[in-house]
Amino acid sequence: MSIDIEKILQVLAHEVKGYQVPVVDLIAVQTRDPFKVLVATILSARTKDEVTAQAADRLFARAATVEELAKLDEKRLQKLIYPVGFYKNKARYLAALPAKLSDDFDSQVPASMEGLLSLPGVGRKTANLVLAQAFAIPAICVDTHVHRIMNIWGYVETDTPLKTEMALREKLPEKYWIPVNSLLVAFGQGTCRPVAPHCDRCVLGDSCPQIGVTPRKLKKKSAAGEVMRLVSWNVNGLRAVLKKGFLESVKEMDPDVLGLQEIKAMPEQLPDSVRSLNGYHSYFYSAQRKGYSGVAVYSRKKPEQVIVGIDDPRFDSEGRVLTLEFTTFYFINCYFPNSKNDLSRLGLKHEFNVALQNFAEELARKKAVVICGDYNVAHKEIDLANPRQNQKNAGFTPQERAWMDSFTDAGWIDSFREKNKEADQYSWWSFRSRAREKNIGWRIDYHCVDQKSRRRIMDADIFQHIYGSDHCPVVLDFLS
């Protein structure tokens, strides 16, 4: 399937007018200052635009020129640009930049590829972007979005950004060389995302061949009634995840009910944007101990009642269970105890498991029940990357798995395994040794439903593309 590249880029030029402008483009439009464009481009590598923009504002308030930058040492630069990605390396590059510019270029940013590549922290992508945005010199800046999307369209067949750049120089009309990066970065961030792209609402429609693409999974519809999207996410600190795109992630997931665990905050410690999430009714159950445990639930529909805890002070003091009752089902949001590395809480965890199961089974006599949350156990060997090495470790001990066996034998259904039997499907990764990048993880987050509700499980998924925590969200589409 061949594509009309000029027509597609013209369509995108109209489409992305309402999208967020990439930060380097914005700075270029505001100033056309080669120095600021160069610095912003260095800061932007592997960093979200909003973080880059804030760091650039702080830095330019102190150093808007090469001469002013020369007065800042590396430690001060680190503080100004934190938390951009690789901020220590970037601070080192920026600290070395004034001397290099002074010695070789009379304190001016060079307007050539060779000159730019000689600067600290500048690679080919950065150089092309500076040439295009600061000097209006025809150059093709190929970042991951341009490389990825051009291959999705089949316009090029390349395996590296450099090869993509060389291929585009051969076939892309020169009038598109400068704008193509801005168009595809905006489009790649807003619609054609690296994981779970929004093909369902893409303006390119049937004209895109979608080579190598797995579109996002939409909530299924049913003639039998309303399907609700239930999402569970251990955020490992609600205030922390808020700084990592939490509100944007919620908007993307579009849950009808969202259960959070390990919020580690009292409601009064949260900003209004989170305490009263737009479009949702908000409920919190925090631990008595500050900065520990705690759960929250956001619901589009106002529940018939909210049940706090399970009437056991040992667990209720830790803010572990919050239940919302709806017309046809109960939604139980749980943060199960961790048995700890030395297994010192293994007995207490089992007591919680039994108490929670008794609480849920009492509710299940009245109507359907969904128990979501961080169960802190990988049930089967398929549910973690290294089962043999973890036989005696917290979260995979024989005792914890035995309770999970008894729980499912009693009729509680693991909704994800009901729909998906594949391995390598995890919801938690250690922060150590690049475990998430290598997908060395555990599946310890679940939506379990009572036996009578099996037919109401429409779909289940794990949103591994959502970052911000050491856990990712898990999803159940449930016939309410």
Protein backbone atom coordinates (compact mmCIF):
# COMPACT_ATOMS: atom_id res chain seq x y z
CA MET A 1 0.00 0.00 0.00
CA SER A 2 1.64 3.23 -1.16
CA ILE A 3 0.84 6.54 0.50
CA ASP A 4 0.58 10.06 -0.83
CA ILE A 5 3.10 11.71 1.50
CA GLU A 6 2.23 15.27 0.48
CA LYS A 7 -1.48 14.73 1.09
CA ILE A 8 -0.82 13.06 4.46
CA LEU A 9 1.47 15.83 5.68
CA GLN A 10 -1.05 18.46 4.59
CA VAL A 11 -3.78 16.65 6.54
CA LEU A 12 -1.52 16.47 9.60
CA ALA A 13 -0.60 20.15 9.33
CA HIS A 14 -4.28 20.96 9.77
CA GLU A 15 -4.81 18.28 12.44
CA VAL A 16 -2.00 19.23 14.82
CA LYS A 17 -2.94 22.92 14.99
CA GLY A 18 -4.87 22.08 18.13
CA TYR A 19 -2.12 19.88 19.59
CA GLN A 20 0.52 20.90 22.10
CA VAL A 21 3.44 22.53 20.27
CA PRO A 22 6.78 20.75 20.83
CA VAL A 23 8.77 22.86 23.27
CA VAL A 24 11.76 23.45 20.99
CA ASP A 25 9.46 24.72 18.25
CA LEU A 26 7.75 26.99 20.74
CA ILE A 27 11.04 28.50 21.90
CA ALA A 28 12.13 28.94 18.28
CA VAL A 29 8.91 30.79 17.44
CA GLN A 30 9.20 32.97 20.53
CA THR A 31 12.84 34.00 20.16
CA ARG A 32 14.58 32.65 17.03
CA ASP A 33 17.63 32.77 19.29
CA PRO A 34 20.08 30.02 18.21
CA PHE A 35 21.53 29.83 21.72
CA LYS A 36 18.15 29.21 23.36
CA VAL A 37 17.10 26.75 20.66
CA LEU A 38 20.35 24.84 21.13
CA VAL A 39 20.06 24.71 24.91
CA ALA A 40 16.38 23.73 24.82
CA THR A 41 17.16 20.97 22.36
CA ILE A 42 19.90 19.58 24.61
CA LEU A 43 17.50 19.65 27.57
CA SER A 44 14.68 17.99 25.63
CA ALA A 45 16.40 14.68 24.91
CA ARG A 46 14.43 11.83 26.54
CA THR A 47 12.37 14.30 28.56
CA LYS A 48 8.69 15.24 28.43
CA ASP A 49 7.97 18.62 26.90
CA GLU A 50 6.36 20.08 30.01
CA VAL A 51 9.46 19.17 32.08
CA THR A 52 11.75 20.63 29.40
CA ALA A 53 9.74 23.86 29.26
CA GLN A 54 9.89 24.38 33.02
CA ALA A 55 13.62 23.63 33.16
CA ALA A 56 14.31 25.95 30.22
CA ASP A 57 12.37 28.77 31.89
CA ARG A 58 14.37 28.39 35.09
CA LEU A 59 17.66 28.25 33.24
CA PHE A 60 17.00 31.16 30.88
CA ALA A 61 15.92 33.32 33.82
CA ARG A 62 19.52 32.99 35.03
CA ALA A 63 21.39 32.47 31.77
CA ALA A 64 19.82 33.86 28.61
CA THR A 65 23.17 34.24 26.84
CA VAL A 66 26.41 32.34 26.39
CA GLU A 67 28.17 34.79 28.69
CA GLU A 68 25.62 34.34 31.48
CA LEU A 69 25.75 30.54 31.12
CA ALA A 70 29.53 30.68 31.64
CA LYS A 71 28.95 32.08 35.15
CA LEU A 72 27.04 28.99 36.33
CA ASP A 73 28.93 25.95 37.61
CA GLU A 74 27.88 22.36 37.05
CA LYS A 75 26.24 21.93 40.47
CA ARG A 76 24.11 25.03 40.01
CA LEU A 77 23.12 23.88 36.54
CA GLN A 78 22.02 20.52 37.92
CA LYS A 79 19.67 22.24 40.35
CA LEU A 80 18.24 24.53 37.67
CA ILE A 81 17.47 21.84 35.10
CA TYR A 82 16.39 18.98 37.41
CA PRO A 83 14.36 16.77 36.76
CA VAL A 84 15.05 16.56 33.01
CA GLY A 85 16.32 13.16 31.90
CA PHE A 86 20.05 12.59 32.47
CA TYR A 87 20.25 16.01 34.11
CA LYS A 88 23.77 15.43 35.45
CA ASN A 89 25.15 14.68 31.99
CA LYS A 90 23.28 17.62 30.52
CA ALA A 91 24.59 19.95 33.23
CA ARG A 92 28.09 18.83 32.34
CA TYR A 93 27.47 19.55 28.65
CA LEU A 94 26.05 22.98 29.41
CA ALA A 95 28.92 23.84 31.73
CA ALA A 96 31.40 23.03 28.95
CA LEU A 97 29.42 24.76 26.19
CA PRO A 98 30.46 28.44 26.70
CA ALA A 99 34.19 27.70 26.53
CA LYS A 100 33.76 25.63 23.37
CA LEU A 101 31.67 28.32 21.70
CA SER A 102 34.10 31.02 22.77
CA ASP A 103 37.23 29.17 21.63
CA ASP A 104 35.96 27.93 18.28
CA PHE A 105 33.01 30.10 17.22
CA ASP A 106 33.46 33.56 18.73
CA SER A 107 30.70 32.76 21.26
CA GLN A 108 28.17 32.20 18.45
CA VAL A 109 26.19 29.04 17.76
CA PRO A 110 27.56 27.59 14.51
CA ALA A 111 25.18 27.26 11.56
CA SER A 112 26.73 24.10 10.14
CA MET A 113 26.32 20.39 10.84
CA GLU A 114 30.06 19.96 11.37
CA GLY A 115 30.25 22.86 13.82
CA LEU A 116 27.21 21.77 15.82
CA LEU A 117 28.42 18.18 16.09
CA SER A 118 31.64 19.44 17.70
CA LEU A 119 29.68 20.88 20.64
CA PRO A 120 29.27 18.94 23.91
CA GLY A 121 26.02 16.98 24.11
CA VAL A 122 25.07 17.57 20.47
CA GLY A 123 24.27 14.64 18.21
CA ARG A 124 22.92 14.55 14.71
CA LYS A 125 19.28 14.87 15.73
CA THR A 126 20.02 17.93 17.86
CA ALA A 127 22.14 19.48 15.13
CA ASN A 128 19.43 19.04 12.51
CA LEU A 129 16.81 20.53 14.81
CA VAL A 130 18.97 23.59 15.52
CA LEU A 131 19.73 24.09 11.84
CA ALA A 132 16.04 23.91 10.97
CA GLN A 133 14.53 25.84 13.86
CA ALA A 134 17.21 28.41 14.59
CA PHE A 135 18.61 29.07 11.12
CA ALA A 136 15.80 27.92 8.76
CA ILE A 137 18.36 25.77 6.94
CA PRO A 138 16.74 22.75 5.24
CA ALA A 139 17.50 19.83 7.52
CA ILE A 140 15.61 16.69 8.48
CA CYS A 141 15.53 16.10 12.22
CA VAL A 142 14.71 12.45 12.77
CA ASP A 143 13.77 11.56 16.32
CA THR A 144 11.99 8.42 17.46
CA HIS A 145 8.58 9.75 16.34
CA VAL A 146 9.70 10.56 12.80
CA HIS A 147 11.58 7.26 12.48
CA ARG A 148 8.67 5.24 13.86
CA ILE A 149 5.81 6.89 11.98
CA MET A 150 7.57 6.97 8.61
CA ASN A 151 8.04 3.20 8.98
CA ILE A 152 4.43 2.69 10.10
CA TRP A 153 3.37 4.40 6.87
CA GLY A 154 5.81 2.29 4.85
CA TYR A 155 7.28 5.47 3.36
CA VAL A 156 10.69 4.18 4.44
CA GLU A 157 11.86 0.74 5.54
CA THR A 158 14.69 1.46 7.95
CA ASP A 159 15.92 0.19 11.31
CA THR A 160 17.68 3.28 12.69
CA PRO A 161 16.92 7.02 12.81
CA LEU A 162 20.11 7.74 10.84
CA LYS A 163 19.01 5.46 8.02
CA THR A 164 15.59 7.11 8.12
CA GLU A 165 17.19 10.53 7.76
CA MET A 166 19.26 9.40 4.78
CA ALA A 167 16.22 7.76 3.13
CA LEU A 168 14.10 10.90 3.63
CA ARG A 169 16.81 13.08 2.13
CA GLU A 170 16.49 10.97 -1.00
CA LYS A 171 12.71 10.97 -1.40
CA LEU A 172 10.97 13.56 0.82
CA PRO A 173 10.29 16.87 -1.00
CA GLU A 174 12.60 19.52 0.47
CA LYS A 175 9.74 21.84 1.39
CA TYR A 176 8.81 19.33 4.11
CA TRP A 177 12.28 18.86 5.56
CA ILE A 178 11.93 21.53 8.25
CA PRO A 179 8.26 21.06 9.27
CA VAL A 180 8.19 17.24 9.22
CA ASN A 181 9.73 16.91 12.68
CA SER A 182 7.26 19.29 14.32
CA LEU A 183 4.31 17.62 12.61
CA LEU A 184 5.28 14.07 13.52
CA VAL A 185 6.41 14.86 17.07
CA ALA A 186 3.07 16.53 17.81
CA PHE A 187 1.16 13.75 16.03
CA GLY A 188 3.25 11.05 17.73
CA GLN A 189 2.64 12.49 21.17
CA GLY A 190 -1.05 13.16 20.65
CA THR A 191 -2.43 10.34 18.48
CA CYS A 192 0.13 7.97 16.94
CA ARG A 193 1.70 7.09 20.27
CA PRO A 194 4.56 4.59 20.52
CA VAL A 195 2.40 2.11 22.47
CA ALA A 196 -1.35 1.66 22.01
CA PRO A 197 -1.76 4.40 19.37
CA HIS A 198 -5.20 5.98 19.02
CA CYS A 199 -5.93 4.57 15.57
CA ASP A 200 -9.65 4.69 16.35
CA ARG A 201 -9.65 8.49 16.13
CA CYS A 202 -6.81 9.04 13.67
CA VAL A 203 -7.53 11.53 10.86
CA LEU A 204 -5.58 9.37 8.43
CA GLY A 205 -8.14 6.59 8.75
CA ASP A 206 -7.87 3.92 6.07
CA SER A 207 -4.99 5.68 4.31
CA CYS A 208 -2.52 4.47 6.98
CA PRO A 209 -1.21 0.92 6.44
CA GLN A 210 -0.51 0.56 10.20
CA ILE A 211 2.65 -1.46 9.64
CA GLY A 212 3.72 -3.13 12.89
CA VAL A 213 1.05 -1.32 14.92
CA THR A 214 -1.10 -2.64 17.75
CA PRO A 215 -3.85 -0.03 18.29
CA ARG A 216 -5.16 0.77 21.75
CA LYS A 217 -7.90 -1.48 23.02
CA LEU A 218 -11.23 0.29 23.36
CA LYS A 219 -13.93 -0.58 25.81
CA LYS A 220 -16.21 -3.20 24.29
CA LYS A 221 -19.91 -2.66 23.83
CA SER A 222 -22.65 -5.12 24.66
CA ALA A 223 -26.29 -5.35 23.71
CA ALA A 224 -26.90 -6.82 27.16
CA GLY A 225 -26.19 -3.57 28.97
CA GLU A 226 -23.62 -0.94 29.90
CA VAL A 227 -19.96 -1.91 29.95
CA MET A 228 -17.92 -0.09 32.57
CA ARG A 229 -14.15 0.27 32.42
CA LEU A 230 -12.70 -0.53 35.85
CA VAL A 231 -9.04 0.35 36.37
CA SER A 232 -6.77 -0.57 39.27
CA TRP A 233 -3.36 1.05 39.79
CA ASN A 234 -0.84 0.98 42.62
CA VAL A 235 0.61 4.46 42.16
CA ASN A 236 3.34 4.15 44.83
CA GLY A 237 2.60 7.67 46.08
CA LEU A 238 -0.19 9.77 44.58
CA ARG A 239 1.75 13.02 45.02
CA ALA A 240 4.75 11.47 43.30
CA VAL A 241 2.82 10.08 40.33
CA LEU A 242 1.06 13.41 39.88
CA LYS A 243 4.44 14.82 38.80
CA LYS A 244 4.81 12.03 36.23
CA GLY A 245 1.75 12.61 34.06
CA PHE A 246 -0.95 11.06 36.26
CA LEU A 247 -3.77 13.31 35.06
CA GLU A 248 -2.81 12.74 31.43
CA SER A 249 -2.72 8.97 32.03
CA VAL A 250 -6.19 8.99 33.59
CA LYS A 251 -7.52 10.92 30.61
CA GLU A 252 -5.99 8.38 28.23
CA MET A 253 -7.32 5.34 30.13
CA ASP A 254 -10.81 6.90 30.43
CA PRO A 255 -11.96 4.77 33.39
CA ASP A 256 -15.50 4.70 34.71
CA VAL A 257 -14.13 3.63 38.09
CA LEU A 258 -10.48 4.01 39.08
CA GLY A 259 -9.10 2.31 42.18
CA LEU A 260 -5.70 3.47 43.44
CA GLN A 261 -3.54 1.77 46.03
CA GLU A 262 -0.58 2.96 48.10
CA ILE A 263 -1.53 6.62 47.76
CA LYS A 264 0.70 7.51 50.74
CA ALA A 265 -1.17 10.74 51.47
CA MET A 266 -4.00 12.30 53.42
CA PRO A 267 -6.67 14.02 51.28
CA GLU A 268 -5.70 17.43 52.67
CA GLN A 269 -2.14 16.90 51.41
CA LEU A 270 -3.35 16.61 47.81
CA PRO A 271 -3.93 19.44 45.33
CA ASP A 272 -7.49 20.23 44.29
CA SER A 273 -6.89 18.72 40.83
CA VAL A 274 -6.48 15.30 42.47
CA ARG A 275 -8.69 15.64 45.53
CA SER A 276 -11.60 16.52 43.24
CA LEU A 277 -10.71 14.93 39.92
CA ASN A 278 -12.71 16.58 37.16
CA GLY A 279 -15.68 14.44 36.09
CA TYR A 280 -15.42 12.03 39.04
CA HIS A 281 -16.68 11.53 42.56
CA SER A 282 -13.63 11.08 44.79
CA TYR A 283 -13.22 8.90 47.88
CA PHE A 284 -10.12 8.41 50.03
CA TYR A 285 -9.16 6.08 52.85
CA SER A 286 -5.73 6.93 54.19
CA ALA A 287 -3.59 5.10 56.71
CA GLN A 288 -3.26 6.61 60.17
CA ARG A 289 0.50 6.59 59.65
CA LYS A 290 1.48 9.43 57.33
CA GLY A 291 3.17 8.58 54.04
CA TYR A 292 2.09 4.94 54.21
CA SER A 293 -0.40 2.69 52.42
CA GLY A 294 -3.87 4.16 51.74
CA VAL A 295 -6.40 3.72 48.93
CA ALA A 296 -8.62 5.97 46.81
CA VAL A 297 -11.46 5.47 44.34
CA TYR A 298 -12.71 7.81 41.61
CA SER A 299 -16.09 7.07 40.06
CA ARG A 300 -18.05 8.79 37.31
CA LYS A 301 -21.28 7.53 38.85
CA LYS A 302 -22.13 8.42 42.40
CA PRO A 303 -22.26 5.16 44.38
CA GLU A 304 -25.24 4.12 46.47
CA GLN A 305 -22.97 3.82 49.47
CA VAL A 306 -19.30 3.82 50.43
CA ILE A 307 -17.98 1.24 52.91
CA VAL A 308 -14.75 2.16 54.66
CA GLY A 309 -12.56 -0.73 55.84
CA ILE A 310 -13.56 -4.28 56.74
CA ASP A 311 -14.30 -3.71 60.45
CA ASP A 312 -10.92 -5.00 61.61
CA PRO A 313 -8.77 -2.30 63.29
CA ARG A 314 -5.51 -4.11 62.52
CA PHE A 315 -6.04 -3.50 58.82
CA ASP A 316 -8.38 -0.54 58.84
CA SER A 317 -5.74 1.59 60.58
CA GLU A 318 -3.57 1.04 57.50
CA GLY A 319 -6.24 2.22 55.03
CA ARG A 320 -6.35 -0.95 52.95
CA VAL A 321 -9.95 -1.46 51.76
CA LEU A 322 -12.49 0.96 50.29
CA THR A 323 -15.75 -0.35 48.81
CA LEU A 324 -18.26 1.40 46.56
CA GLU A 325 -21.71 -0.06 46.08
CA PHE A 326 -23.39 0.48 42.71
CA THR A 327 -26.81 -0.65 41.52
CA THR A 328 -25.67 -4.04 40.25
CA PHE A 329 -22.28 -4.68 41.86
CA TYR A 330 -19.80 -3.87 44.61
CA PHE A 331 -16.38 -2.49 43.71
CA ILE A 332 -13.83 -3.40 46.40
CA ASN A 333 -10.50 -1.61 46.13
CA CYS A 334 -7.76 -3.36 48.15
CA TYR A 335 -4.13 -2.91 49.00
CA PHE A 336 -3.11 -6.31 50.35
CA PRO A 337 -0.26 -6.34 52.90
CA ASN A 338 3.26 -7.17 51.77
CA SER A 339 4.69 -10.12 53.71
CA LYS A 340 8.08 -8.28 53.74
CA ASN A 341 11.48 -9.56 52.67
CA ASP A 342 12.02 -11.41 55.95
CA LEU A 343 8.43 -12.78 55.77
CA SER A 344 7.73 -11.23 59.17
CA ARG A 345 4.23 -10.22 58.07
CA LEU A 346 3.38 -13.47 56.31
CA GLY A 347 1.00 -14.54 59.08
CA LEU A 348 -0.65 -11.13 59.25
CA LYS A 349 -1.08 -11.09 55.49
CA HIS A 350 -2.84 -14.45 55.58
CA GLU A 351 -5.19 -13.15 58.27
CA PHE A 352 -5.97 -10.14 56.08
CA ASN A 353 -6.61 -12.42 53.08
CA VAL A 354 -9.09 -14.51 55.05
CA ALA A 355 -10.84 -11.46 56.51
CA LEU A 356 -11.08 -9.79 53.11
CA GLN A 357 -12.45 -12.95 51.50
CA ASN A 358 -15.10 -13.30 54.22
CA PHE A 359 -16.06 -9.64 53.75
CA ALA A 360 -16.36 -10.07 49.97
CA GLU A 361 -18.33 -13.28 50.16
CA GLU A 362 -20.84 -11.64 52.48
CA LEU A 363 -21.37 -8.91 49.88
CA ALA A 364 -21.55 -11.45 47.05
CA ARG A 365 -24.70 -12.90 48.60
CA LYS A 366 -26.43 -9.62 47.66
CA LYS A 367 -25.02 -8.75 44.23
CA ALA A 368 -21.95 -9.09 42.00
CA VAL A 369 -18.53 -8.25 43.44
CA VAL A 370 -15.31 -7.05 41.82
CA ILE A 371 -12.18 -7.10 44.02
CA CYS A 372 -9.45 -5.00 42.47
CA GLY A 373 -6.04 -4.07 43.72
CA ASP A 374 -2.46 -4.96 44.47
CA TYR A 375 -2.76 -8.48 45.87
CA ASN A 376 1.01 -8.64 46.48
CA VAL A 377 1.19 -12.22 45.19
CA ALA A 378 2.01 -13.82 41.86
CA HIS A 379 -0.35 -16.77 41.69
CA LYS A 380 1.19 -19.12 39.12
CA GLU A 381 4.66 -19.56 37.65
CA ILE A 382 3.40 -17.86 34.49
CA ASP A 383 2.83 -14.72 36.56
CA LEU A 384 6.47 -13.82 37.13
CA ALA A 385 9.64 -13.86 35.06
CA ASN A 386 11.82 -15.93 37.38
CA PRO A 387 9.65 -18.38 39.35
CA ARG A 388 12.42 -20.82 40.28
CA GLN A 389 14.58 -18.12 41.87
CA ASN A 390 11.66 -16.69 43.87
CA GLN A 391 10.15 -19.80 45.47
CA LYS A 392 10.89 -18.56 49.00
CA ASN A 393 10.55 -14.82 48.38
CA ALA A 394 7.75 -12.54 49.50
CA GLY A 395 4.93 -12.54 46.99
CA PHE A 396 5.62 -16.07 45.73
CA THR A 397 5.87 -18.17 48.89
CA PRO A 398 3.98 -21.48 49.02
CA GLN A 399 1.75 -20.04 51.76
CA GLU A 400 0.69 -16.98 49.73
CA ARG A 401 0.09 -19.01 46.59
CA ALA A 402 -1.87 -21.61 48.58
CA TRP A 403 -4.30 -18.93 49.73
CA MET A 404 -4.68 -17.74 46.14
CA ASP A 405 -5.43 -21.35 45.16
CA SER A 406 -8.11 -21.60 47.83
CA PHE A 407 -9.52 -18.23 46.82
CA THR A 408 -9.94 -19.21 43.16
CA ASP A 409 -11.14 -22.72 44.15
CA ALA A 410 -13.89 -20.97 46.11
CA GLY A 411 -15.11 -19.52 42.82
CA TRP A 412 -13.33 -16.16 42.55
CA ILE A 413 -12.24 -15.59 38.97
CA ASP A 414 -8.99 -13.95 37.91
CA SER A 415 -10.45 -11.82 35.11
CA PHE A 416 -7.15 -11.35 33.25
CA ARG A 417 -6.44 -15.09 33.05
CA GLU A 418 -10.03 -15.62 31.98
CA LYS A 419 -9.22 -13.67 28.81
CA ASN A 420 -5.46 -14.04 28.42
CA LYS A 421 -3.28 -17.15 28.82
CA GLU A 422 -0.02 -15.64 27.54
CA ALA A 423 3.23 -15.42 29.50
CA ASP A 424 5.32 -12.27 30.04
CA GLN A 425 2.29 -10.23 31.12
CA TYR A 426 3.36 -8.32 34.21
CA SER A 427 2.08 -5.38 36.27
CA TRP A 428 5.04 -4.70 38.60
CA TRP A 429 8.78 -4.40 38.08
CA SER A 430 11.59 -3.69 40.49
CA PHE A 431 13.27 -0.32 40.10
CA ARG A 432 16.58 -2.17 40.07
CA SER A 433 18.64 -3.42 37.13
CA ARG A 434 16.37 -1.91 34.44
CA ALA A 435 13.82 -4.63 35.21
CA ARG A 436 10.95 -2.90 33.43
CA GLU A 437 12.99 -2.28 30.32
CA LYS A 438 13.89 -5.99 30.27
CA ASN A 439 10.34 -6.99 31.31
CA ILE A 440 11.58 -8.95 34.32
CA GLY A 441 8.38 -8.50 36.26
CA TRP A 442 5.54 -9.92 38.32
CA ARG A 443 1.77 -9.92 37.81
CA ILE A 444 0.50 -9.05 41.27
CA ASP A 445 -2.38 -6.68 40.43
CA TYR A 446 -5.80 -8.18 39.73
CA HIS A 447 -9.49 -7.74 39.18
CA CYS A 448 -11.19 -10.84 40.61
CA VAL A 449 -14.95 -11.33 40.30
CA ASP A 450 -17.41 -13.67 41.94
CA GLN A 451 -18.26 -16.90 40.15
CA LYS A 452 -21.77 -15.83 39.16
CA SER A 453 -20.35 -12.83 37.29
CA ARG A 454 -18.11 -14.74 34.89
CA ARG A 455 -20.28 -13.81 31.88
CA ARG A 456 -19.93 -10.12 32.80
CA ILE A 457 -16.17 -10.12 32.13
CA MET A 458 -16.10 -8.49 28.71
CA ASP A 459 -12.36 -7.93 28.47
CA ALA A 460 -9.26 -7.56 30.64
CA ASP A 461 -5.90 -5.98 29.96
CA ILE A 462 -2.65 -4.69 31.46
CA PHE A 463 -1.65 -1.19 30.39
CA GLN A 464 2.11 -1.70 30.39
CA HIS A 465 2.58 1.49 28.37
CA ILE A 466 1.41 3.64 31.30
CA TYR A 467 4.36 4.79 33.41
CA GLY A 468 4.69 6.81 36.60
CA SER A 469 4.92 4.03 39.18
CA ASP A 470 6.69 0.70 39.62
CA HIS A 471 3.26 -0.80 38.90
CA CYS A 472 1.17 -0.23 35.79
CA PRO A 473 -2.63 -0.11 35.63
CA VAL A 474 -4.72 -3.24 35.12
CA VAL A 475 -8.10 -3.02 33.41
CA LEU A 476 -11.42 -4.85 33.49
CA ASP A 477 -14.29 -4.07 31.12
CA PHE A 478 -17.28 -5.24 33.14
CA LEU A 479 -20.93 -5.58 32.16
CA SER A 480 -22.63 -3.61 34.91
